[in-house]
């Protein structure tokens, strides 16, 4: 059984986003462990940020990353039977496209993900149109 182009694009995008989320989490944990507590508190206090605020921000950010990662995989699994999930990929792809324009790192990291998700939508629309034209003949 051959995978359709829309599912391939969605799979690549979901894998890339999952890698970004997990590598980011790994880098933050590593940086947290390698930085001494006193040095970290000094740096945070100079910036006017308490450790509790920093931890809260990280929990919220990675909570959102986890939710988005889960939704990306749910959309991948259900896109074949429920084409409305292709619209999710379009929306999240456009969001990632704008996010990639905010900073240089985002351009390298989220631009490929956004392109994959937008292509998943485009390919799915094409597959639906081809299926409808085949059914009417």
C-alpha atoms as a PDB file:
ATOM      1  CA  UNK A   1       0.000   0.000   0.000  1.00  0.00           C
ATOM      2  CA  UNK A   2       1.433   3.304  -1.100  1.00  0.00           C
ATOM      3  CA  UNK A   3       1.235   6.401   1.086  1.00  0.00           C
ATOM      4  CA  UNK A   4      -0.319   9.452  -0.501  1.00  0.00           C
ATOM      5  CA  UNK A   5       1.661  12.655  -0.848  1.00  0.00           C
ATOM      6  CA  UNK A   6      -0.485  14.432   1.749  1.00  0.00           C
ATOM      7  CA  UNK A   7       0.302  11.813   4.377  1.00  0.00           C
ATOM      8  CA  UNK A   8       3.991  11.851   3.515  1.00  0.00           C
ATOM      9  CA  UNK A   9       4.153  15.641   3.902  1.00  0.00           C
ATOM     10  CA  UNK A  10       2.194  15.443   7.176  1.00  0.00           C
ATOM     11  CA  UNK A  11       4.462  12.659   8.454  1.00  0.00           C
ATOM     12  CA  UNK A  12       7.652  14.565   7.654  1.00  0.00           C
ATOM     13  CA  UNK A  13       6.260  17.719   9.290  1.00  0.00           C
ATOM     14  CA  UNK A  14       5.147  15.844  12.407  1.00  0.00           C
ATOM     15  CA  UNK A  15       8.525  14.119  12.735  1.00  0.00           C
ATOM     16  CA  UNK A  16      10.409  17.401  12.296  1.00  0.00           C
ATOM     17  CA  UNK A  17       8.219  19.192  14.844  1.00  0.00           C
ATOM     18  CA  UNK A  18       8.573  16.320  17.320  1.00  0.00           C
ATOM     19  CA  UNK A  19      12.355  16.440  16.934  1.00  0.00           C
ATOM     20  CA  UNK A  20      12.369  20.207  17.496  1.00  0.00           C
ATOM     21  CA  UNK A  21      10.209  19.862  20.613  1.00  0.00           C
ATOM     22  CA  UNK A  22      12.227  17.038  22.161  1.00  0.00           C
ATOM     23  CA  UNK A  23      15.625  18.502  21.275  1.00  0.00           C
ATOM     24  CA  UNK A  24      14.557  21.848  22.713  1.00  0.00           C
ATOM     25  CA  UNK A  25      13.419  20.183  25.920  1.00  0.00           C
ATOM     26  CA  UNK A  26      16.696  18.243  26.107  1.00  0.00           C
ATOM     27  CA  UNK A  27      18.751  21.416  25.577  1.00  0.00           C
ATOM     28  CA  UNK A  28      16.860  23.301  28.289  1.00  0.00           C
ATOM     29  CA  UNK A  29      17.248  20.453  30.790  1.00  0.00           C
ATOM     30  CA  UNK A  30      20.944  20.133  29.931  1.00  0.00           C
ATOM     31  CA  UNK A  31      21.525  23.865  30.288  1.00  0.00           C
ATOM     32  CA  UNK A  32      19.616  23.855  33.573  1.00  0.00           C
ATOM     33  CA  UNK A  33      21.738  21.011  34.958  1.00  0.00           C
ATOM     34  CA  UNK A  34      25.065  22.411  33.751  1.00  0.00           C
ATOM     35  CA  UNK A  35      24.476  25.884  35.147  1.00  0.00           C
ATOM     36  CA  UNK A  36      25.140  26.135  38.849  1.00  0.00           C
ATOM     37  CA  UNK A  37      22.146  27.187  40.903  1.00  0.00           C
ATOM     38  CA  UNK A  38      23.872  30.266  42.312  1.00  0.00           C
ATOM     39  CA  UNK A  39      25.039  31.403  38.875  1.00  0.00           C
ATOM     40  CA  UNK A  40      21.576  30.859  37.384  1.00  0.00           C
ATOM     41  CA  UNK A  41      19.870  32.778  40.188  1.00  0.00           C
ATOM     42  CA  UNK A  42      22.328  35.659  39.752  1.00  0.00           C
ATOM     43  CA  UNK A  43      21.660  35.811  36.020  1.00  0.00           C
ATOM     44  CA  UNK A  44      17.899  35.652  36.506  1.00  0.00           C
ATOM     45  CA  UNK A  45      17.911  38.292  39.248  1.00  0.00           C
ATOM     46  CA  UNK A  46      19.953  40.649  37.052  1.00  0.00           C
ATOM     47  CA  UNK A  47      17.279  40.260  34.386  1.00  0.00           C
ATOM     48  CA  UNK A  48      14.530  40.779  36.964  1.00  0.00           C
ATOM     49  CA  UNK A  49      13.143  37.264  36.645  1.00  0.00           C
ATOM     50  CA  UNK A  50      12.563  35.005  39.607  1.00  0.00           C
ATOM     51  CA  UNK A  51      13.262  31.254  39.281  1.00  0.00           C
ATOM     52  CA  UNK A  52       9.572  30.523  39.882  1.00  0.00           C
ATOM     53  CA  UNK A  53       8.576  32.728  36.942  1.00  0.00           C
ATOM     54  CA  UNK A  54      11.189  31.050  34.750  1.00  0.00           C
ATOM     55  CA  UNK A  55       9.979  27.575  35.685  1.00  0.00           C
ATOM     56  CA  UNK A  56       6.354  28.594  35.106  1.00  0.00           C
ATOM     57  CA  UNK A  57       7.217  29.986  31.659  1.00  0.00           C
ATOM     58  CA  UNK A  58       9.076  26.808  30.712  1.00  0.00           C
ATOM     59  CA  UNK A  59       6.223  24.589  31.907  1.00  0.00           C
ATOM     60  CA  UNK A  60       3.684  26.607  29.892  1.00  0.00           C
ATOM     61  CA  UNK A  61       5.891  26.678  26.786  1.00  0.00           C
ATOM     62  CA  UNK A  62       6.593  22.959  26.819  1.00  0.00           C
ATOM     63  CA  UNK A  63       3.006  22.185  27.738  1.00  0.00           C
ATOM     64  CA  UNK A  64       2.020  23.932  24.510  1.00  0.00           C
ATOM     65  CA  UNK A  65       4.757  22.101  22.601  1.00  0.00           C
ATOM     66  CA  UNK A  66       3.435  18.787  23.936  1.00  0.00           C
ATOM     67  CA  UNK A  67      -0.163  19.655  22.994  1.00  0.00           C
ATOM     68  CA  UNK A  68       0.879  20.744  19.486  1.00  0.00           C
ATOM     69  CA  UNK A  69       2.976  17.622  19.026  1.00  0.00           C
ATOM     70  CA  UNK A  70       0.052  15.433  20.084  1.00  0.00           C
ATOM     71  CA  UNK A  71      -2.342  17.307  17.772  1.00  0.00           C
ATOM     72  CA  UNK A  72       0.087  16.950  14.852  1.00  0.00           C
ATOM     73  CA  UNK A  73       0.135  13.174  15.313  1.00  0.00           C
ATOM     74  CA  UNK A  74      -3.647  12.966  15.796  1.00  0.00           C
ATOM     75  CA  UNK A  75      -4.100  14.967  12.589  1.00  0.00           C
ATOM     76  CA  UNK A  76      -1.717  12.631  10.779  1.00  0.00           C
ATOM     77  CA  UNK A  77      -3.614   9.562  11.976  1.00  0.00           C
ATOM     78  CA  UNK A  78      -7.086  10.912  11.170  1.00  0.00           C
ATOM     79  CA  UNK A  79      -6.441  12.917   8.008  1.00  0.00           C
ATOM     80  CA  UNK A  80      -7.188  10.015   5.671  1.00  0.00           C
ATOM     81  CA  UNK A  81     -10.702   9.422   7.010  1.00  0.00           C
ATOM     82  CA  UNK A  82     -11.537  12.980   8.103  1.00  0.00           C
ATOM     83  CA  UNK A  83     -10.261  15.540   5.587  1.00  0.00           C
ATOM     84  CA  UNK A  84     -11.029  18.415   7.992  1.00  0.00           C
ATOM     85  CA  UNK A  85      -7.690  17.663   9.681  1.00  0.00           C
ATOM     86  CA  UNK A  86      -6.014  18.944   6.515  1.00  0.00           C
ATOM     87  CA  UNK A  87      -7.381  22.381   7.461  1.00  0.00           C
ATOM     88  CA  UNK A  88      -5.653  22.028  10.819  1.00  0.00           C
ATOM     89  CA  UNK A  89      -2.384  21.501   8.935  1.00  0.00           C
ATOM     90  CA  UNK A  90      -3.047  24.601   6.829  1.00  0.00           C
ATOM     91  CA  UNK A  91      -3.741  26.722   9.903  1.00  0.00           C
ATOM     92  CA  UNK A  92      -0.784  25.480  11.915  1.00  0.00           C
ATOM     93  CA  UNK A  93       1.454  25.674   8.830  1.00  0.00           C
ATOM     94  CA  UNK A  94       0.564  29.341   8.312  1.00  0.00           C
ATOM     95  CA  UNK A  95       1.149  29.995  12.017  1.00  0.00           C
ATOM     96  CA  UNK A  96       4.591  28.353  11.852  1.00  0.00           C
ATOM     97  CA  UNK A  97       5.343  30.310   8.672  1.00  0.00           C
ATOM     98  CA  UNK A  98       4.721  33.598  10.491  1.00  0.00           C
ATOM     99  CA  UNK A  99       6.626  32.325  13.538  1.00  0.00           C
ATOM    100  CA  UNK A 100       9.611  31.485  11.365  1.00  0.00           C
ATOM    101  CA  UNK A 101       9.762  35.102  10.196  1.00  0.00           C
ATOM    102  CA  UNK A 102      10.086  36.456  13.734  1.00  0.00           C
ATOM    103  CA  UNK A 103      13.681  35.392  14.297  1.00  0.00           C
ATOM    104  CA  UNK A 104      16.579  33.802  12.419  1.00  0.00           C
ATOM    105  CA  UNK A 105      16.546  30.543  14.330  1.00  0.00           C
ATOM    106  CA  UNK A 106      12.843  30.146  13.650  1.00  0.00           C
ATOM    107  CA  UNK A 107      13.513  30.463   9.946  1.00  0.00           C
ATOM    108  CA  UNK A 108      15.795  27.433  10.023  1.00  0.00           C
ATOM    109  CA  UNK A 109      13.706  25.404  12.478  1.00  0.00           C
ATOM    110  CA  UNK A 110      10.032  26.098  11.781  1.00  0.00           C
ATOM    111  CA  UNK A 111      10.068  27.012   8.086  1.00  0.00           C
ATOM    112  CA  UNK A 112      10.534  23.383   6.931  1.00  0.00           C
ATOM    113  CA  UNK A 113       7.765  22.289   9.314  1.00  0.00           C
ATOM    114  CA  UNK A 114       5.397  24.960   8.004  1.00  0.00           C
ATOM    115  CA  UNK A 115       6.156  24.054   4.391  1.00  0.00           C
ATOM    116  CA  UNK A 116       5.451  20.373   5.088  1.00  0.00           C
ATOM    117  CA  UNK A 117       2.140  21.139   6.795  1.00  0.00           C
ATOM    118  CA  UNK A 118       0.979  23.539   4.072  1.00  0.00           C
ATOM    119  CA  UNK A 119       1.926  20.956   1.430  1.00  0.00           C
ATOM    120  CA  UNK A 120      -0.057  18.314   3.343  1.00  0.00           C
ATOM    121  CA  UNK A 121      -3.138  20.529   2.979  1.00  0.00           C
ATOM    122  CA  UNK A 122      -2.478  21.277  -0.710  1.00  0.00           C
ATOM    123  CA  UNK A 123      -1.903  17.617  -1.561  1.00  0.00           C
ATOM    124  CA  UNK A 124      -5.010  16.538   0.367  1.00  0.00           C
ATOM    125  CA  UNK A 125      -7.158  19.059  -1.522  1.00  0.00           C
ATOM    126  CA  UNK A 126      -5.726  17.751  -4.794  1.00  0.00           C
ATOM    127  CA  UNK A 127      -6.430  14.144  -3.764  1.00  0.00           C
ATOM    128  CA  UNK A 128     -10.040  15.031  -2.859  1.00  0.00           C
ATOM    129  CA  UNK A 129     -10.552  16.800  -6.215  1.00  0.00           C
ATOM    130  CA  UNK A 130      -9.093  13.830  -8.100  1.00  0.00           C
ATOM    131  CA  UNK A 131     -11.328  11.422  -6.183  1.00  0.00           C
ATOM    132  CA  UNK A 132     -14.419  13.509  -6.966  1.00  0.00           C
ATOM    133  CA  UNK A 133     -13.521  13.789 -10.661  1.00  0.00           C
ATOM    134  CA  UNK A 134     -12.924  10.023 -10.814  1.00  0.00           C
ATOM    135  CA  UNK A 135     -16.284   9.305  -9.147  1.00  0.00           C
ATOM    136  CA  UNK A 136     -18.222  11.485 -11.603  1.00  0.00           C
ATOM    137  CA  UNK A 137     -16.749   9.771 -14.683  1.00  0.00           C
END
